[in-house]
């Protein structure tokens, strides 16, 4: 969407329509800000329960707050290892 608004902005400038170009610029900036806020929300949500910040934060279980990967149970042994 942002790319589309940028193209509209450039086209308006080429035509000399400064009023439309101003609107297109505002729309392009609004899309960029919205995208950045969405990315920040994801980072905050990941760090909320784990205490780790940024893209490296593991995905947390919403109910327990524990790392989702750490909660995956290990496969149980079948007991056939000792039988030969």
Protein backbone atom coordinates (compact mmCIF):
# COMPACT_ATOMS: atom_id res chain seq x y z
CA UNK A 1 0.00 0.00 0.00
CA UNK A 2 2.80 2.38 0.83
CA UNK A 3 4.40 1.77 -2.54
CA UNK A 4 1.13 2.69 -4.25
CA UNK A 5 0.88 5.95 -2.28
CA UNK A 6 4.48 6.82 -3.13
CA UNK A 7 3.76 6.29 -6.83
CA UNK A 8 0.68 8.54 -6.54
CA UNK A 9 2.81 11.17 -4.80
CA UNK A 10 5.44 11.16 -7.53
CA UNK A 11 2.81 11.25 -10.27
CA UNK A 12 1.10 14.22 -8.62
CA UNK A 13 4.41 16.07 -8.43
CA UNK A 14 5.09 15.37 -12.11
CA UNK A 15 1.67 16.80 -13.01
CA UNK A 16 2.30 19.86 -10.86
CA UNK A 17 -0.70 19.12 -8.62
CA UNK A 18 0.84 20.12 -5.30
CA UNK A 19 -2.39 19.84 -3.29
CA UNK A 20 -2.89 16.23 -4.36
CA UNK A 21 0.82 15.55 -3.84
CA UNK A 22 0.50 16.77 -0.24
CA UNK A 23 -2.40 14.38 0.38
CA UNK A 24 -0.53 11.50 -1.24
CA UNK A 25 2.54 12.27 0.87
CA UNK A 26 0.45 12.26 4.07
CA UNK A 27 -1.06 8.91 3.09
CA UNK A 28 2.35 7.41 2.33
CA UNK A 29 3.72 8.60 5.69
CA UNK A 30 0.65 7.28 7.52
CA UNK A 31 1.22 3.85 5.95
CA UNK A 32 4.89 3.87 6.99
CA UNK A 33 4.06 4.87 10.57
CA UNK A 34 1.31 2.26 10.78
CA UNK A 35 3.68 -0.45 9.55
CA UNK A 36 6.37 0.58 12.05
CA UNK A 37 3.83 0.56 14.90
CA UNK A 38 2.61 -2.90 13.92
CA UNK A 39 6.20 -4.20 14.00
CA UNK A 40 6.78 -2.58 17.40
CA UNK A 41 3.59 -4.17 18.76
CA UNK A 42 4.88 -7.61 17.77
CA UNK A 43 8.22 -6.96 19.52
CA UNK A 44 6.49 -5.73 22.68
CA UNK A 45 4.16 -8.72 22.70
CA UNK A 46 7.11 -11.12 22.40
CA UNK A 47 9.05 -9.45 25.20
CA UNK A 48 6.08 -9.00 27.51
CA UNK A 49 6.19 -12.50 29.00
CA UNK A 50 9.76 -13.60 28.30
CA UNK A 51 11.70 -10.54 29.45
CA UNK A 52 13.77 -10.62 26.26
CA UNK A 53 13.60 -7.65 23.93
CA UNK A 54 13.69 -7.50 20.15
CA UNK A 55 13.32 -9.88 17.26
CA UNK A 56 15.37 -12.59 19.05
CA UNK A 57 12.75 -12.93 21.79
CA UNK A 58 11.17 -16.39 21.75
CA UNK A 59 7.48 -16.81 21.21
CA UNK A 60 5.74 -17.06 24.59
CA UNK A 61 2.67 -19.00 25.63
CA UNK A 62 0.01 -16.40 26.45
CA UNK A 63 -1.29 -18.29 29.48
CA UNK A 64 1.91 -19.48 31.17
CA UNK A 65 4.40 -16.89 29.92
CA UNK A 66 6.90 -19.66 29.18
CA UNK A 67 8.84 -20.09 25.97
CA UNK A 68 6.70 -22.11 23.54
CA UNK A 69 9.69 -24.18 22.36
CA UNK A 70 10.60 -25.08 25.96
CA UNK A 71 7.07 -26.33 26.67
CA UNK A 72 7.11 -28.92 23.90
CA UNK A 73 7.39 -32.29 25.65
CA UNK A 74 10.22 -34.58 24.69
CA UNK A 75 9.18 -37.84 23.03
CA UNK A 76 8.88 -40.63 25.59
CA UNK A 77 11.13 -43.64 25.39
CA UNK A 78 9.41 -46.83 24.32
CA UNK A 79 11.58 -49.08 26.45
CA UNK A 80 12.97 -50.92 23.43
CA UNK A 81 16.47 -49.49 23.83
CA UNK A 82 17.53 -52.17 26.36
CA UNK A 83 15.79 -55.10 24.70
CA UNK A 84 18.02 -56.93 22.22
